[in-house]
Amino acid sequence: MSGNAQADAEFVYEGAGFNEDARIVVRNGKVLLTQDDQSSMSLIYDTVAQLFRVLNHREKTYLELSEEFVQTALVSFETMLPQLKAMAESSGISDRQRELLERITADIPAADSQTTSALVEPTGKEKSVLGLTCSIYSVKVASEALEVCTIDYSTVGLKEEDQQSLRELSGTLGNMTGGLQFHEAQKLAAVIGSLDGVVLEALDSDGNTAIKLKQLTLAARSSSDGEVPGDYAETDIFSIFTGL
């Protein structure tokens, strides 16, 4: 880990269910969630404009959605769950589209279920992770129970505006459908913000490592982080998953 209290923040996490490491960059009021190699999709949350921008790197396209639209659309997904699952079984879609549909519908709660944000309870215990002493919390996100160890933002020098950006992203995701995870780093961001500190490690109910911080860097970032590349074309909600 390296640090400068006035720099931008980059977190790199490995996860048991991740295809690639998850990267979260916090810069100028924006939070970028992406796979480490940026081979598929990225998500940008603009805390000032309250906008989501979904980037399809393979097609070089992007979709811009208001926070209000995303919230409403995800509620509708709950009602459409039977149709979405039937679509996943259709022979008229690509294997990648089927995989995506199966993944995003796997844990969507029934329309009449209660959607809640992450439930956090302190255990009063501590342990050492990556040479740092962290506090242990019991966290429930969607259907998963995790033992999560965190340290204060101040310990690593994360500046206040970046702390607030993470809190806002977490609050937004917490108000959305609890089981819908369309990006590998989405649940991770919700956990980070809910705990109001830097997550070093998360263990599942069997004690296996579910999420672990590989690297935290506080340094000046490229001006392109958190921005839509100039050669990306805007697309629509029906085409954003093309080519995945």
Protein backbone atom coordinates (compact mmCIF):
# COMPACT_ATOMS: atom_id res chain seq x y z
CA MET A 1 0.00 0.00 0.00
CA SER A 2 1.17 3.51 -0.76
CA GLY A 3 -0.44 6.76 0.19
CA ASN A 4 -0.98 10.46 -0.14
CA ALA A 5 -3.85 11.89 1.88
CA GLN A 6 -4.87 14.22 -0.97
CA ALA A 7 -4.67 11.64 -3.75
CA ASP A 8 -7.27 9.57 -5.57
CA ALA A 9 -8.02 6.10 -4.22
CA GLU A 10 -7.77 2.76 -6.03
CA PHE A 11 -8.78 -0.56 -4.45
CA VAL A 12 -7.98 -3.91 -6.09
CA TYR A 13 -9.79 -6.97 -4.71
CA GLU A 14 -9.71 -10.66 -5.48
CA GLY A 15 -12.83 -12.71 -4.90
CA ALA A 16 -13.72 -16.37 -4.86
CA GLY A 17 -16.44 -15.82 -7.46
CA PHE A 18 -14.65 -13.17 -9.55
CA ASN A 19 -13.54 -13.96 -13.09
CA GLU A 20 -10.96 -11.17 -12.78
CA ASP A 21 -9.83 -8.98 -9.91
CA ALA A 22 -12.30 -6.19 -9.13
CA ARG A 23 -11.03 -2.63 -9.23
CA ILE A 24 -12.68 0.36 -7.58
CA VAL A 25 -11.36 3.86 -8.29
CA VAL A 26 -12.68 6.90 -6.41
CA ARG A 27 -11.86 10.17 -8.13
CA ASN A 28 -13.45 13.65 -8.29
CA GLY A 29 -16.84 12.58 -6.97
CA LYS A 30 -17.04 9.54 -9.23
CA VAL A 31 -16.67 5.85 -8.45
CA LEU A 32 -15.47 3.46 -11.16
CA LEU A 33 -16.20 -0.26 -10.75
CA THR A 34 -14.50 -2.52 -13.25
CA GLN A 35 -12.73 -5.79 -13.81
CA ASP A 36 -8.99 -5.43 -13.52
CA ASP A 37 -8.42 -6.04 -17.24
CA GLN A 38 -11.45 -3.96 -18.37
CA SER A 39 -12.21 -6.65 -20.95
CA SER A 40 -15.98 -6.64 -20.53
CA MET A 41 -17.95 -3.93 -18.73
CA SER A 42 -17.40 -1.10 -16.30
CA LEU A 43 -19.78 0.93 -14.18
CA ILE A 44 -19.29 4.60 -13.30
CA TYR A 45 -21.38 6.23 -10.59
CA ASP A 46 -21.35 10.04 -10.66
CA THR A 47 -22.25 11.14 -7.14
CA VAL A 48 -22.73 14.77 -8.20
CA ALA A 49 -24.97 14.24 -11.23
CA GLN A 50 -26.53 11.09 -9.67
CA LEU A 51 -25.98 9.19 -12.88
CA PHE A 52 -24.85 5.69 -13.75
CA ARG A 53 -22.78 5.14 -16.89
CA VAL A 54 -22.43 1.55 -18.08
CA LEU A 55 -19.49 0.95 -20.43
CA ASN A 56 -19.27 -1.97 -22.85
CA HIS A 57 -15.55 -2.18 -23.66
CA ARG A 58 -15.89 -4.82 -26.34
CA GLU A 59 -18.32 -2.78 -28.41
CA LYS A 60 -16.97 0.63 -27.29
CA THR A 61 -20.43 1.82 -26.30
CA TYR A 62 -21.93 3.32 -23.17
CA LEU A 63 -25.33 3.82 -21.59
CA GLU A 64 -26.21 6.73 -19.31
CA LEU A 65 -28.99 6.21 -16.77
CA SER A 66 -30.31 8.41 -14.00
CA GLU A 67 -30.26 7.00 -10.50
CA GLU A 68 -34.06 7.32 -10.38
CA PHE A 69 -34.46 5.32 -13.60
CA VAL A 70 -32.16 2.55 -12.34
CA GLN A 71 -34.03 2.31 -9.04
CA THR A 72 -37.39 2.05 -10.85
CA ALA A 73 -36.11 -0.41 -13.45
CA LEU A 74 -34.70 -2.79 -10.85
CA VAL A 75 -38.01 -2.87 -8.99
CA SER A 76 -39.63 -3.82 -12.31
CA PHE A 77 -37.10 -6.65 -12.74
CA GLU A 78 -38.56 -8.32 -9.66
CA THR A 79 -41.99 -8.43 -11.28
CA MET A 80 -40.51 -9.66 -14.57
CA LEU A 81 -38.50 -12.45 -12.92
CA PRO A 82 -40.49 -15.36 -14.44
CA GLN A 83 -40.17 -13.89 -17.95
CA LEU A 84 -36.44 -13.22 -17.50
CA LYS A 85 -35.81 -16.78 -16.34
CA ALA A 86 -37.79 -18.12 -19.29
CA MET A 87 -35.69 -15.97 -21.62
CA ALA A 88 -32.53 -17.49 -20.12
CA GLU A 89 -33.78 -20.90 -21.25
CA SER A 90 -34.49 -19.74 -24.81
CA SER A 91 -32.45 -21.18 -27.68
CA GLY A 92 -32.56 -17.87 -29.53
CA ILE A 93 -29.91 -16.09 -27.44
CA SER A 94 -26.14 -16.41 -27.28
CA ASP A 95 -24.36 -18.42 -24.59
CA ARG A 96 -22.96 -15.17 -23.13
CA GLN A 97 -26.44 -13.57 -23.00
CA ARG A 98 -27.79 -16.72 -21.34
CA GLU A 99 -24.97 -16.66 -18.77
CA LEU A 100 -25.69 -13.00 -18.03
CA LEU A 101 -29.43 -13.57 -17.59
CA GLU A 102 -28.84 -16.58 -15.36
CA ARG A 103 -26.40 -14.59 -13.23
CA ILE A 104 -28.57 -11.52 -12.70
CA THR A 105 -31.74 -13.52 -12.01
CA ALA A 106 -30.22 -16.17 -9.75
CA ASP A 107 -30.85 -14.37 -6.46
CA ILE A 108 -33.50 -11.77 -7.28
CA PRO A 109 -36.06 -11.91 -4.45
CA ALA A 110 -39.74 -12.42 -5.17
CA ALA A 111 -41.71 -9.25 -5.88
CA ASP A 112 -43.43 -9.40 -2.50
CA SER A 113 -40.23 -9.89 -0.50
CA GLN A 114 -38.54 -7.22 1.60
CA THR A 115 -35.50 -5.58 0.00
CA THR A 116 -32.93 -4.52 2.55
CA SER A 117 -29.46 -3.08 2.52
CA ALA A 118 -26.52 -4.84 4.11
CA LEU A 119 -27.08 -5.72 7.77
CA VAL A 120 -24.01 -4.99 9.86
CA GLU A 121 -23.29 -6.03 13.46
CA PRO A 122 -19.98 -5.43 15.29
CA THR A 123 -18.52 -8.50 16.99
CA GLY A 124 -16.12 -6.62 19.28
CA LYS A 125 -13.25 -8.76 17.95
CA GLU A 126 -10.09 -7.83 16.06
CA LYS A 127 -7.44 -9.64 14.05
CA SER A 128 -4.41 -8.91 11.88
CA VAL A 129 -4.81 -8.90 8.09
CA LEU A 130 -2.05 -7.71 5.74
CA GLY A 131 -0.13 -6.59 8.80
CA LEU A 132 -2.94 -4.27 9.92
CA THR A 133 -5.23 -4.67 12.93
CA CYS A 134 -8.84 -4.62 11.75
CA SER A 135 -12.25 -4.84 13.43
CA ILE A 136 -14.49 -7.82 12.69
CA TYR A 137 -18.15 -7.34 11.69
CA SER A 138 -20.94 -9.76 10.90
CA VAL A 139 -22.44 -8.67 7.57
CA LYS A 140 -25.42 -10.01 5.64
CA VAL A 141 -25.69 -8.97 1.98
CA ALA A 142 -28.60 -10.44 0.02
CA SER A 143 -28.53 -14.17 0.89
CA GLU A 144 -24.91 -14.25 2.05
CA ALA A 145 -23.52 -14.07 5.59
CA LEU A 146 -19.98 -12.75 5.80
CA GLU A 147 -17.38 -12.09 8.49
CA VAL A 148 -15.77 -8.86 7.37
CA CYS A 149 -12.66 -7.17 8.77
CA THR A 150 -12.20 -3.42 8.27
CA ILE A 151 -9.95 -0.53 9.31
CA ASP A 152 -10.77 3.17 9.57
CA TYR A 153 -10.38 5.35 6.48
CA SER A 154 -8.02 7.57 8.42
CA THR A 155 -5.61 4.67 8.89
CA VAL A 156 -4.83 4.64 5.16
CA GLY A 157 -5.36 8.36 4.56
CA LEU A 158 -8.49 8.20 2.39
CA LYS A 159 -9.64 11.79 1.96
CA GLU A 160 -13.08 12.86 3.18
CA GLU A 161 -14.62 13.48 -0.26
CA ASP A 162 -13.65 9.96 -1.35
CA GLN A 163 -15.12 8.53 1.84
CA GLN A 164 -18.37 10.34 1.06
CA SER A 165 -18.41 9.07 -2.54
CA LEU A 166 -18.17 5.49 -1.28
CA ARG A 167 -20.93 6.11 1.25
CA GLU A 168 -23.22 7.55 -1.43
CA LEU A 169 -22.60 4.65 -3.80
CA SER A 170 -23.26 2.18 -1.00
CA GLY A 171 -26.49 3.92 -0.03
CA THR A 172 -27.67 3.89 -3.64
CA LEU A 173 -26.90 0.20 -4.14
CA GLY A 174 -28.47 -0.62 -0.79
CA ASN A 175 -31.77 0.84 -1.98
CA MET A 176 -31.77 -1.33 -5.08
CA THR A 177 -32.81 -4.92 -5.47
CA GLY A 178 -30.90 -6.83 -2.81
CA GLY A 179 -30.07 -9.88 -4.92
CA LEU A 180 -29.39 -8.28 -8.30
CA GLN A 181 -25.64 -8.21 -8.94
CA PHE A 182 -24.88 -7.26 -12.54
CA HIS A 183 -21.24 -6.48 -11.82
CA GLU A 184 -18.71 -8.43 -9.77
CA ALA A 185 -17.65 -5.35 -7.82
CA GLN A 186 -21.18 -4.15 -7.03
CA LYS A 187 -21.68 -6.17 -3.87
CA LEU A 188 -18.13 -5.34 -2.86
CA ALA A 189 -18.85 -1.61 -3.10
CA ALA A 190 -21.99 -2.02 -1.01
CA VAL A 191 -20.02 -3.84 1.69
CA ILE A 192 -17.27 -1.20 1.69
CA GLY A 193 -19.70 1.67 2.11
CA SER A 194 -21.95 -0.06 4.63
CA LEU A 195 -19.02 -0.65 6.96
CA ASP A 196 -17.74 2.92 6.69
CA GLY A 197 -14.16 1.74 6.44
CA VAL A 198 -11.67 -0.11 4.26
CA VAL A 199 -12.51 -3.80 3.85
CA LEU A 200 -9.39 -5.94 4.14
CA GLU A 201 -11.01 -9.36 4.07
CA ALA A 202 -14.39 -11.07 4.01
CA LEU A 203 -14.92 -14.71 4.95
CA ASP A 204 -18.01 -16.73 4.03
CA SER A 205 -20.03 -18.80 6.48
CA ASP A 206 -17.60 -21.73 6.02
CA GLY A 207 -14.59 -19.57 6.87
CA ASN A 208 -13.32 -19.44 3.29
CA THR A 209 -12.02 -16.17 1.82
CA ALA A 210 -14.79 -14.55 -0.25
CA ILE A 211 -13.14 -11.16 -0.81
CA LYS A 212 -9.62 -9.95 -0.05
CA LEU A 213 -7.87 -6.64 -0.65
CA LYS A 214 -4.79 -7.14 -2.82
CA GLN A 215 -3.75 -3.53 -3.19
CA LEU A 216 -4.75 -0.05 -2.06
CA THR A 217 -3.05 2.86 -3.79
CA LEU A 218 -3.50 6.54 -3.01
CA ALA A 219 -1.93 8.49 -5.86
CA ALA A 220 -2.74 10.89 -8.67
CA ARG A 221 -4.79 9.00 -11.26
CA SER A 222 -5.11 9.31 -15.02
CA SER A 223 -7.68 11.91 -16.08
CA SER A 224 -9.49 9.15 -17.99
CA ASP A 225 -10.49 7.25 -14.84
CA GLY A 226 -14.19 7.78 -14.19
CA GLU A 227 -14.78 9.26 -17.66
CA VAL A 228 -16.35 7.80 -20.80
CA PRO A 229 -13.66 7.40 -23.51
CA GLY A 230 -14.10 9.83 -26.38
CA ASP A 231 -14.39 7.07 -28.99
CA TYR A 232 -17.28 5.30 -27.22
CA ALA A 233 -20.74 5.76 -28.78
CA GLU A 234 -23.90 6.13 -26.72
CA THR A 235 -26.27 3.20 -27.06
CA ASP A 236 -29.65 2.15 -25.67
CA ILE A 237 -30.66 -0.13 -22.82
CA PHE A 238 -31.47 -2.98 -25.23
CA SER A 239 -28.04 -2.95 -26.89
CA ILE A 240 -25.62 -2.31 -24.03
CA PHE A 241 -25.00 -6.05 -23.53
CA THR A 242 -24.23 -6.69 -27.23
CA GLY A 243 -21.15 -8.82 -27.74
CA LEU A 244 -20.78 -9.91 -24.12
